Amino acid sequence: MRSCQTGENKASRLLGVLRQVKDFRAARGKMYDLHFVLAVAVVATLAGAANYRQTGRRAADLPQRLLVQLGAPYDYFCAAHLTPRESTIREVLTNVDADLLDLIVGAWLHECATRDRDGDLVIALDGKVLRGAWTTENTQATLLTAMIHEQGVVVAQTLVPNGTNEITQVENLVKNLKHKRGRTIVTANAAHTQFRTATLLHKRGIDIVGDRAEEA
């Protein structure tokens, strides 16, 4: 995503927010800082990785210049900056605080997001059922997401608990959209074009465009 920030500034900011995630590993034997491994995973995912194997492969292909910006350790024997393997990335991602990681990465993406020529940031509210993901009640997991138009980048998401619907989770979702460098416009389907939802978004300085308006 284009931004007024340089790539180096974006990397530095990413590392800064990732330091909020607590390192669960023992001090002995650690080769990589936790925030570096997480940053590599984020960059690999943005490059198209959809699973652990692809993340490992994308990580191995990251250019040396980017690895330097992410704080990669330097190996004098290989004369190169090192990157974690798939097994290391898998261990880290399956043991960190996933909710916190999701929150801060989404906030970072929102901060970096490009606005259109008019200075607007257009975000779509959309609910998705996660394939292969199940809750403790043995029902499929559903997320309400905030996705940037055209770029298809999710900048915030929240779980839709069993017995509720997407409409009830709008407030939980938009409270994480904190970066306001201009006007933010939300698009949504008819289910979300309600007076209550419009009022909630308006109080946060967000405009809404929907299929039709209906009073709750």
Protein backbone atom coordinates (compact mmCIF):
# COMPACT_ATOMS: atom_id res chain seq x y z
CA MET A 1 0.00 0.00 0.00
CA ARG A 2 1.27 3.42 -0.86
CA SER A 3 1.70 5.94 1.90
CA CYS A 4 3.47 9.13 2.80
CA GLN A 5 5.70 6.97 4.98
CA THR A 6 8.83 5.39 3.52
CA GLY A 7 9.30 1.64 3.56
CA GLU A 8 11.93 1.99 6.27
CA ASN A 9 9.59 4.02 8.46
CA LYS A 10 6.83 1.46 7.99
CA ALA A 11 9.17 -1.35 9.01
CA SER A 12 10.33 0.58 12.06
CA ARG A 13 6.74 1.30 13.08
CA LEU A 14 5.78 -2.35 12.58
CA LEU A 15 8.61 -3.51 14.82
CA GLY A 16 7.57 -0.96 17.42
CA VAL A 17 4.00 -2.21 17.67
CA LEU A 18 5.05 -5.87 17.59
CA ARG A 19 7.17 -5.32 20.70
CA GLN A 20 3.87 -5.17 22.59
CA VAL A 21 3.52 -8.94 22.14
CA LYS A 22 4.98 -10.83 25.08
CA ASP A 23 7.69 -13.37 24.31
CA PHE A 24 6.64 -16.78 25.68
CA ARG A 25 9.98 -18.46 24.92
CA ALA A 26 12.77 -19.24 27.36
CA ALA A 27 15.78 -16.95 27.08
CA ARG A 28 18.19 -19.80 26.43
CA GLY A 29 18.65 -20.87 22.83
CA LYS A 30 16.71 -18.02 21.21
CA MET A 31 18.20 -17.08 17.86
CA TYR A 32 15.67 -14.46 16.78
CA ASP A 33 13.86 -11.70 18.64
CA LEU A 34 10.13 -12.34 18.83
CA HIS A 35 9.18 -9.07 17.14
CA PHE A 36 11.49 -9.92 14.22
CA VAL A 37 9.87 -13.34 13.66
CA LEU A 38 6.42 -11.77 13.83
CA ALA A 39 7.44 -9.02 11.40
CA VAL A 40 8.73 -11.61 8.93
CA ALA A 41 5.43 -13.49 9.22
CA VAL A 42 3.44 -10.29 8.60
CA VAL A 43 5.50 -9.35 5.54
CA ALA A 44 5.29 -12.89 4.14
CA THR A 45 1.53 -12.89 4.59
CA LEU A 46 1.22 -9.55 2.82
CA ALA A 47 3.28 -11.08 0.02
CA GLY A 48 0.64 -13.76 -0.45
CA ALA A 49 1.51 -16.57 1.99
CA ALA A 50 -1.63 -18.45 3.07
CA ASN A 51 -0.18 -21.16 5.33
CA TYR A 52 2.92 -22.00 7.36
CA ARG A 53 4.76 -23.65 4.47
CA GLN A 54 4.20 -20.70 2.17
CA THR A 55 5.17 -18.31 4.97
CA GLY A 56 8.48 -20.11 5.40
CA ARG A 57 9.17 -19.98 1.68
CA ARG A 58 8.26 -16.32 1.37
CA ALA A 59 10.40 -15.52 4.38
CA ALA A 60 13.40 -17.27 2.80
CA ASP A 61 12.96 -15.10 -0.31
CA LEU A 62 12.87 -11.75 1.47
CA PRO A 63 15.58 -9.40 0.15
CA GLN A 64 18.54 -8.62 2.37
CA ARG A 65 17.72 -4.91 2.43
CA LEU A 66 14.29 -5.62 3.91
CA LEU A 67 15.73 -8.07 6.42
CA VAL A 68 18.08 -5.34 7.61
CA GLN A 69 15.10 -3.01 8.14
CA LEU A 70 13.32 -5.74 10.12
CA GLY A 71 16.34 -6.27 12.36
CA ALA A 72 17.55 -9.65 11.11
CA PRO A 73 20.72 -11.04 12.73
CA TYR A 74 23.83 -11.20 10.55
CA ASP A 75 25.71 -14.46 10.01
CA TYR A 76 29.39 -13.80 9.26
CA PHE A 77 29.92 -17.35 8.02
CA CYS A 78 27.13 -17.03 5.44
CA ALA A 79 27.80 -13.33 4.90
CA ALA A 80 24.08 -12.68 4.99
CA HIS A 81 21.25 -11.66 7.27
CA LEU A 82 19.28 -14.68 8.45
CA THR A 83 15.57 -15.35 8.40
CA PRO A 84 13.57 -17.87 10.50
CA ARG A 85 12.50 -21.21 9.07
CA GLU A 86 8.97 -22.49 8.79
CA SER A 87 9.24 -24.48 12.04
CA THR A 88 10.25 -21.38 14.01
CA ILE A 89 7.48 -19.28 12.50
CA ARG A 90 4.94 -22.03 13.20
CA GLU A 91 6.00 -22.34 16.84
CA VAL A 92 5.79 -18.59 17.38
CA LEU A 93 2.44 -18.07 15.69
CA THR A 94 0.77 -20.98 17.48
CA ASN A 95 1.85 -19.77 20.93
CA VAL A 96 1.68 -15.96 20.94
CA ASP A 97 -1.31 -13.91 22.04
CA ALA A 98 -3.24 -14.16 18.76
CA ASP A 99 -5.89 -11.59 19.71
CA LEU A 100 -3.29 -8.94 20.55
CA LEU A 101 -1.27 -9.73 17.43
CA ASP A 102 -4.36 -9.44 15.23
CA LEU A 103 -5.31 -6.13 16.85
CA ILE A 104 -1.94 -4.39 16.52
CA VAL A 105 -1.20 -5.63 12.99
CA GLY A 106 -4.62 -4.43 11.85
CA ALA A 107 -3.99 -1.05 13.45
CA TRP A 108 -0.60 -0.82 11.71
CA LEU A 109 -2.16 -1.66 8.34
CA HIS A 110 -4.83 0.97 8.93
CA GLU A 111 -2.15 3.52 9.79
CA CYS A 112 -0.29 2.75 6.55
CA ALA A 113 -3.39 2.69 4.35
CA THR A 114 -3.54 4.87 1.25
CA ARG A 115 -6.41 7.27 0.81
CA ASP A 116 -7.94 8.09 -2.56
CA ARG A 117 -7.46 11.30 -4.54
CA ASP A 118 -10.08 13.06 -2.46
CA GLY A 119 -8.37 12.07 0.78
CA ASP A 120 -11.02 9.49 1.66
CA LEU A 121 -10.43 6.00 3.01
CA VAL A 122 -13.19 3.63 1.91
CA ILE A 123 -13.70 0.52 4.01
CA ALA A 124 -16.15 -2.33 3.47
CA LEU A 125 -17.86 -4.08 6.38
CA ASP A 126 -18.26 -7.74 5.57
CA GLY A 127 -18.96 -10.96 7.46
CA LYS A 128 -17.14 -14.16 6.59
CA VAL A 129 -17.50 -17.74 7.78
CA LEU A 130 -14.02 -19.22 8.26
CA ARG A 131 -13.62 -22.50 6.44
CA GLY A 132 -12.12 -25.20 8.63
CA ALA A 133 -12.41 -23.09 11.80
CA TRP A 134 -14.76 -24.11 14.62
CA THR A 135 -15.66 -22.65 17.99
CA THR A 136 -15.65 -24.50 21.32
CA GLU A 137 -19.42 -24.93 20.85
CA ASN A 138 -18.65 -26.92 17.68
CA THR A 139 -20.08 -24.29 15.36
CA GLN A 140 -18.34 -22.52 12.51
CA ALA A 141 -16.52 -19.30 13.35
CA THR A 142 -17.75 -16.07 11.76
CA LEU A 143 -15.78 -12.82 11.60
CA LEU A 144 -16.97 -9.31 10.88
CA THR A 145 -14.17 -7.55 9.03
CA ALA A 146 -13.24 -4.04 7.92
CA MET A 147 -11.51 -4.28 4.53
CA ILE A 148 -9.99 -1.50 2.45
CA HIS A 149 -11.60 -1.20 -0.96
CA GLU A 150 -9.56 -2.23 -4.03
CA GLN A 151 -6.56 -3.31 -1.95
CA GLY A 152 -8.50 -6.07 -0.18
CA VAL A 153 -6.52 -5.56 3.05
CA VAL A 154 -8.27 -6.31 6.35
CA VAL A 155 -7.45 -3.62 8.92
CA ALA A 156 -9.74 -4.83 11.72
CA GLN A 157 -11.88 -7.85 12.51
CA THR A 158 -13.93 -9.22 15.36
CA LEU A 159 -15.55 -12.54 16.17
CA VAL A 160 -19.32 -12.78 15.86
CA PRO A 161 -20.30 -14.83 18.94
CA ASN A 162 -22.87 -17.60 18.71
CA GLY A 163 -26.41 -16.36 19.21
CA THR A 164 -25.60 -12.89 17.84
CA ASN A 165 -25.21 -11.39 14.37
CA GLU A 166 -22.93 -9.01 12.50
CA ILE A 167 -25.02 -5.96 13.38
CA THR A 168 -24.36 -6.37 17.10
CA GLN A 169 -20.58 -6.41 16.55
CA VAL A 170 -20.13 -3.20 14.55
CA GLU A 171 -19.16 -1.21 17.65
CA ASN A 172 -16.51 -3.78 18.64
CA LEU A 173 -15.12 -3.60 15.12
CA VAL A 174 -14.95 0.13 14.49
CA LYS A 175 -13.45 0.97 17.87
CA ASN A 176 -10.18 -0.40 16.44
CA LEU A 177 -10.24 2.02 13.49
CA LYS A 178 -8.29 4.74 15.27
CA HIS A 179 -6.23 6.44 12.56
CA LYS A 180 -8.09 9.41 11.09
CA ARG A 181 -6.12 11.41 8.53
CA GLY A 182 -9.22 12.49 6.64
CA ARG A 183 -12.69 11.19 5.95
CA THR A 184 -13.42 7.49 6.43
CA ILE A 185 -16.34 6.02 4.50
CA VAL A 186 -17.82 2.62 5.31
CA THR A 187 -19.80 0.60 2.78
CA ALA A 188 -22.14 -2.13 3.96
CA ASN A 189 -25.04 -4.25 2.81
CA ALA A 190 -28.67 -3.55 3.70
CA ALA A 191 -28.45 -5.38 7.01
CA HIS A 192 -26.10 -2.69 8.35
CA THR A 193 -27.88 0.38 7.00
CA GLN A 194 -29.81 1.07 10.20
CA PHE A 195 -30.31 4.25 12.17
CA ARG A 196 -28.52 2.83 15.21
CA THR A 197 -25.47 1.76 13.21
CA ALA A 198 -25.36 5.05 11.30
CA THR A 199 -25.46 6.99 14.59
CA LEU A 200 -22.66 4.88 16.06
CA LEU A 201 -20.43 5.45 13.02
CA HIS A 202 -21.25 9.16 12.87
CA LYS A 203 -20.14 9.62 16.49
CA ARG A 204 -16.77 8.20 15.48
CA GLY A 205 -16.51 10.49 12.47
CA ILE A 206 -17.26 7.75 9.94
CA ASP A 207 -19.74 8.06 7.07
CA ILE A 208 -21.73 5.05 5.85
CA VAL A 209 -22.99 4.14 2.40
CA GLY A 210 -25.39 1.19 2.16
CA ASP A 211 -27.96 -0.41 -0.09
CA ARG A 212 -30.85 1.26 1.70
CA ALA A 213 -31.60 2.82 5.08
CA GLU A 214 -33.92 1.17 7.54
CA GLU A 215 -34.76 2.28 11.02
CA ALA A 216 -34.01 -0.25 13.80
